[in-house]
Amino acid sequence: MDMQKDYFKHKAEKYEQEVARTNNVQNIANKITNEIDYTKNMEILDFGSGTGLLLSAVAPFVKKITAIDISESMNKVLQNKSQDIKCDIEILKHDLTKSTINRKFDGIISSMTIHHVEDVGALFEIFYDMLNIEGSIAIADLDLEDGSFHKEDTGVFHFGFDRNEFLDIAKKAGFKNLKIQTASIVKKPYGEYSVFLLTGKK
């Protein structure tokens, strides 16, 4: 039996109703598609796909997206709208930090998920192994913050990241052509939080 807690069980249905969240992911998607030259023969992975906000925006540029998330409830919301997504989609409930999947991809995307991962270095090594040569990463997450971004427990291990340290983690995993830049600003009633995008290649 899978005893892993679904932190998003009571949030999934209303997840896309928060305007700050949807605006943030759209900004990230715009930056990703400006930085990465996707083609319609590419198959990519969305790590921590949630309800599919990011992959829905990237879908028109690629052939197939494999969506991986450990939240059953988020996956269910994504499944319910999968017919409207503009590419082939496969949804997997899987914890990539515990075991990898024997597949190769042309790219990996991720939005606001890495701060939920304890060992980021190990994850980036997994990402590297799962990519084809010249495959790309496009990883967006929070800059360092004071812990106020999350008002409830959703399994957070990091209050954002120092950009230079994040770059070093990707470099140590083997990635090249690395670039980090501001992708978005999340505006909440109690503060503004900057979000970076890291891009690179295998």
Protein backbone atom coordinates (compact mmCIF):
# COMPACT_ATOMS: atom_id res chain seq x y z
CA MET A 1 0.00 0.00 0.00
CA ASP A 2 1.23 3.48 -0.86
CA MET A 3 1.19 5.37 2.43
CA GLN A 4 2.62 8.56 0.97
CA LYS A 5 0.63 11.60 2.00
CA ASP A 6 -1.20 13.50 -0.74
CA TYR A 7 -0.58 17.07 0.41
CA PHE A 8 -2.79 18.40 -2.38
CA LYS A 9 -5.83 16.19 -1.82
CA HIS A 10 -8.01 19.07 -0.62
CA LYS A 11 -6.50 21.64 -3.01
CA ALA A 12 -6.55 19.93 -6.39
CA GLU A 13 -10.09 20.82 -7.48
CA LYS A 14 -9.57 24.52 -6.74
CA TYR A 15 -5.89 24.64 -7.65
CA GLU A 16 -6.33 26.62 -10.86
CA GLN A 17 -8.71 29.18 -9.36
CA GLU A 18 -5.86 31.20 -7.84
CA VAL A 19 -5.02 33.92 -10.36
CA ALA A 20 -1.52 34.51 -8.98
CA ARG A 21 -0.73 30.84 -9.56
CA THR A 22 -2.05 30.66 -13.12
CA ASN A 23 -0.34 33.93 -14.08
CA ASN A 24 2.94 32.69 -12.64
CA VAL A 25 2.87 29.44 -14.61
CA GLN A 26 1.93 31.24 -17.81
CA ASN A 27 4.92 33.56 -17.35
CA ILE A 28 7.16 30.53 -16.79
CA ALA A 29 5.76 28.77 -19.87
CA ASN A 30 6.34 31.86 -22.02
CA LYS A 31 9.94 32.07 -20.86
CA ILE A 32 10.51 28.34 -21.43
CA THR A 33 9.16 28.36 -24.99
CA ASN A 34 11.28 31.43 -25.76
CA GLU A 35 14.43 29.73 -24.47
CA ILE A 36 13.98 26.15 -25.71
CA ASP A 37 13.56 25.21 -29.38
CA TYR A 38 10.98 22.47 -29.11
CA THR A 39 9.78 20.63 -32.21
CA LYS A 40 6.71 18.54 -32.93
CA ASN A 41 8.72 15.30 -32.92
CA MET A 42 9.93 15.77 -29.32
CA GLU A 43 8.76 13.88 -26.25
CA ILE A 44 9.29 15.63 -22.93
CA LEU A 45 8.70 14.99 -19.24
CA ASP A 46 6.91 17.33 -16.82
CA PHE A 47 8.17 16.64 -13.30
CA GLY A 48 5.60 17.54 -10.66
CA SER A 49 2.97 18.17 -13.31
CA GLY A 50 0.12 18.88 -10.90
CA THR A 51 -3.07 19.83 -12.71
CA GLY A 52 -1.14 20.39 -15.93
CA LEU A 53 -0.92 24.19 -15.98
CA LEU A 54 2.63 24.21 -17.36
CA LEU A 55 2.36 21.29 -19.75
CA SER A 56 -0.87 22.66 -21.24
CA ALA A 57 1.02 25.78 -22.32
CA VAL A 58 4.02 23.84 -23.67
CA ALA A 59 1.93 21.11 -25.36
CA PRO A 60 1.41 22.85 -28.74
CA PHE A 61 5.19 22.86 -29.30
CA VAL A 62 5.90 19.14 -28.77
CA LYS A 63 4.69 15.67 -29.78
CA LYS A 64 4.12 14.10 -26.35
CA ILE A 65 4.38 15.00 -22.68
CA THR A 66 4.73 12.45 -19.90
CA ALA A 67 3.30 13.95 -16.73
CA ILE A 68 4.73 12.67 -13.46
CA ASP A 69 3.29 13.56 -10.07
CA ILE A 70 2.92 11.75 -6.75
CA SER A 71 -0.45 13.36 -6.02
CA GLU A 72 -3.38 11.14 -6.99
CA SER A 73 -5.79 14.07 -6.71
CA MET A 74 -3.74 16.37 -8.98
CA ASN A 75 -3.35 13.59 -11.54
CA LYS A 76 -7.11 13.08 -11.53
CA VAL A 77 -7.75 16.75 -12.34
CA LEU A 78 -5.21 16.53 -15.18
CA GLN A 79 -6.79 13.33 -16.50
CA ASN A 80 -10.20 15.02 -16.61
CA LYS A 81 -8.91 17.75 -18.91
CA SER A 82 -6.41 15.67 -20.90
CA GLN A 83 -8.62 15.66 -24.03
CA ASP A 84 -8.12 19.43 -24.34
CA ILE A 85 -4.32 19.30 -24.23
CA LYS A 86 -2.69 19.98 -27.59
CA CYS A 87 -0.34 16.99 -27.71
CA ASP A 88 -0.25 13.33 -26.70
CA ILE A 89 -0.17 12.96 -22.93
CA GLU A 90 0.67 10.15 -20.54
CA ILE A 91 0.04 10.56 -16.80
CA LEU A 92 2.09 8.62 -14.25
CA LYS A 93 1.69 8.55 -10.47
CA HIS A 94 5.31 7.98 -9.56
CA ASP A 95 7.92 9.26 -7.12
CA LEU A 96 10.98 9.87 -9.26
CA THR A 97 13.08 10.57 -6.17
CA LYS A 98 12.52 6.99 -4.99
CA SER A 99 12.89 5.12 -8.29
CA THR A 100 13.54 6.16 -11.86
CA ILE A 101 11.65 5.05 -14.95
CA ASN A 102 13.46 3.38 -17.83
CA ARG A 103 12.66 6.03 -20.43
CA LYS A 104 14.54 8.73 -22.33
CA PHE A 105 13.19 12.19 -23.13
CA ASP A 106 14.11 15.15 -25.34
CA GLY A 107 13.41 17.58 -22.54
CA ILE A 108 12.35 17.95 -18.92
CA ILE A 109 10.22 20.80 -17.62
CA SER A 110 9.20 21.57 -14.05
CA SER A 111 7.44 24.42 -12.30
CA MET A 112 7.49 25.14 -8.56
CA THR A 113 8.22 21.52 -7.63
CA ILE A 114 11.91 21.26 -6.73
CA HIS A 115 11.46 22.91 -3.31
CA HIS A 116 9.38 19.84 -2.41
CA VAL A 117 12.41 17.57 -3.10
CA GLU A 118 14.88 16.89 -0.29
CA ASP A 119 17.97 15.82 -2.29
CA VAL A 120 18.08 18.13 -5.29
CA GLY A 121 21.53 16.98 -6.41
CA ALA A 122 20.39 13.37 -6.70
CA LEU A 123 17.30 14.47 -8.63
CA PHE A 124 19.37 16.40 -11.17
CA GLU A 125 21.52 13.31 -11.74
CA ILE A 126 18.32 11.37 -12.44
CA PHE A 127 17.20 14.10 -14.85
CA TYR A 128 20.55 13.90 -16.66
CA ASP A 129 20.29 10.13 -17.06
CA MET A 130 16.73 10.38 -18.40
CA LEU A 131 17.59 12.79 -21.21
CA ASN A 132 18.72 12.06 -24.73
CA ILE A 133 21.96 13.73 -25.83
CA GLU A 134 21.27 17.45 -26.39
CA GLY A 135 18.09 17.05 -24.34
CA SER A 136 17.09 20.16 -22.41
CA ILE A 137 16.01 21.07 -18.90
CA ALA A 138 13.78 24.01 -18.04
CA ILE A 139 13.28 24.16 -14.28
CA ALA A 140 11.44 27.00 -12.56
CA ASP A 141 11.35 27.53 -8.82
CA LEU A 142 11.44 30.11 -6.06
CA ASP A 143 14.33 32.35 -5.23
CA LEU A 144 15.32 32.27 -1.55
CA GLU A 145 12.42 33.42 0.63
CA ASP A 146 11.66 33.65 4.34
CA GLY A 147 9.30 30.68 4.49
CA SER A 148 6.16 32.77 4.15
CA PHE A 149 5.35 31.62 0.60
CA HIS A 150 3.63 28.48 1.86
CA LYS A 151 0.94 29.11 4.43
CA GLU A 152 0.24 25.39 4.93
CA ASP A 153 2.21 22.15 4.98
CA THR A 154 2.70 20.82 1.47
CA GLY A 155 5.91 18.89 2.12
CA VAL A 156 8.37 21.75 1.66
CA PHE A 157 12.10 21.05 2.09
CA HIS A 158 13.53 24.37 0.82
CA PHE A 159 12.42 27.98 1.24
CA GLY A 160 13.50 28.71 -2.32
CA PHE A 161 17.04 28.50 -3.63
CA ASP A 162 20.15 30.60 -4.05
CA ARG A 163 20.58 30.87 -7.82
CA ASN A 164 24.33 30.26 -7.82
CA GLU A 165 23.94 27.14 -5.68
CA PHE A 166 21.16 25.89 -7.95
CA LEU A 167 23.39 26.45 -11.00
CA ASP A 168 26.20 24.53 -9.31
CA ILE A 169 23.91 21.56 -8.64
CA ALA A 170 23.00 21.38 -12.33
CA LYS A 171 26.64 21.79 -13.35
CA LYS A 172 27.77 18.98 -11.05
CA ALA A 173 25.13 16.71 -12.60
CA GLY A 174 26.76 17.30 -16.01
CA PHE A 175 24.52 19.90 -17.63
CA LYS A 176 26.01 22.47 -20.00
CA ASN A 177 24.91 25.77 -21.58
CA LEU A 178 23.34 26.68 -18.27
CA LYS A 179 21.42 29.90 -17.88
CA ILE A 180 19.36 31.23 -14.99
CA GLN A 181 17.03 34.22 -15.18
CA THR A 182 13.94 35.70 -13.60
CA ALA A 183 10.82 34.11 -15.06
CA SER A 184 8.04 35.58 -12.96
CA ILE A 185 6.99 37.43 -9.83
CA VAL A 186 4.27 35.84 -7.70
CA LYS A 187 2.16 38.51 -6.03
CA LYS A 188 0.42 37.42 -2.85
CA PRO A 189 -1.48 39.58 -0.36
CA TYR A 190 1.44 39.30 2.07
CA GLY A 191 4.36 39.76 -0.31
CA GLU A 192 5.99 39.31 -3.71
CA TYR A 193 8.18 36.33 -4.54
CA SER A 194 10.53 36.05 -7.48
CA VAL A 195 10.72 32.86 -9.53
CA PHE A 196 13.73 31.88 -11.63
CA LEU A 197 14.06 29.65 -14.67
CA LEU A 198 17.10 27.44 -15.11
CA THR A 199 17.74 26.11 -18.62
CA GLY A 200 20.50 23.86 -19.89
CA LYS A 201 21.39 20.89 -22.04
CA LYS A 202 22.83 17.42 -21.71
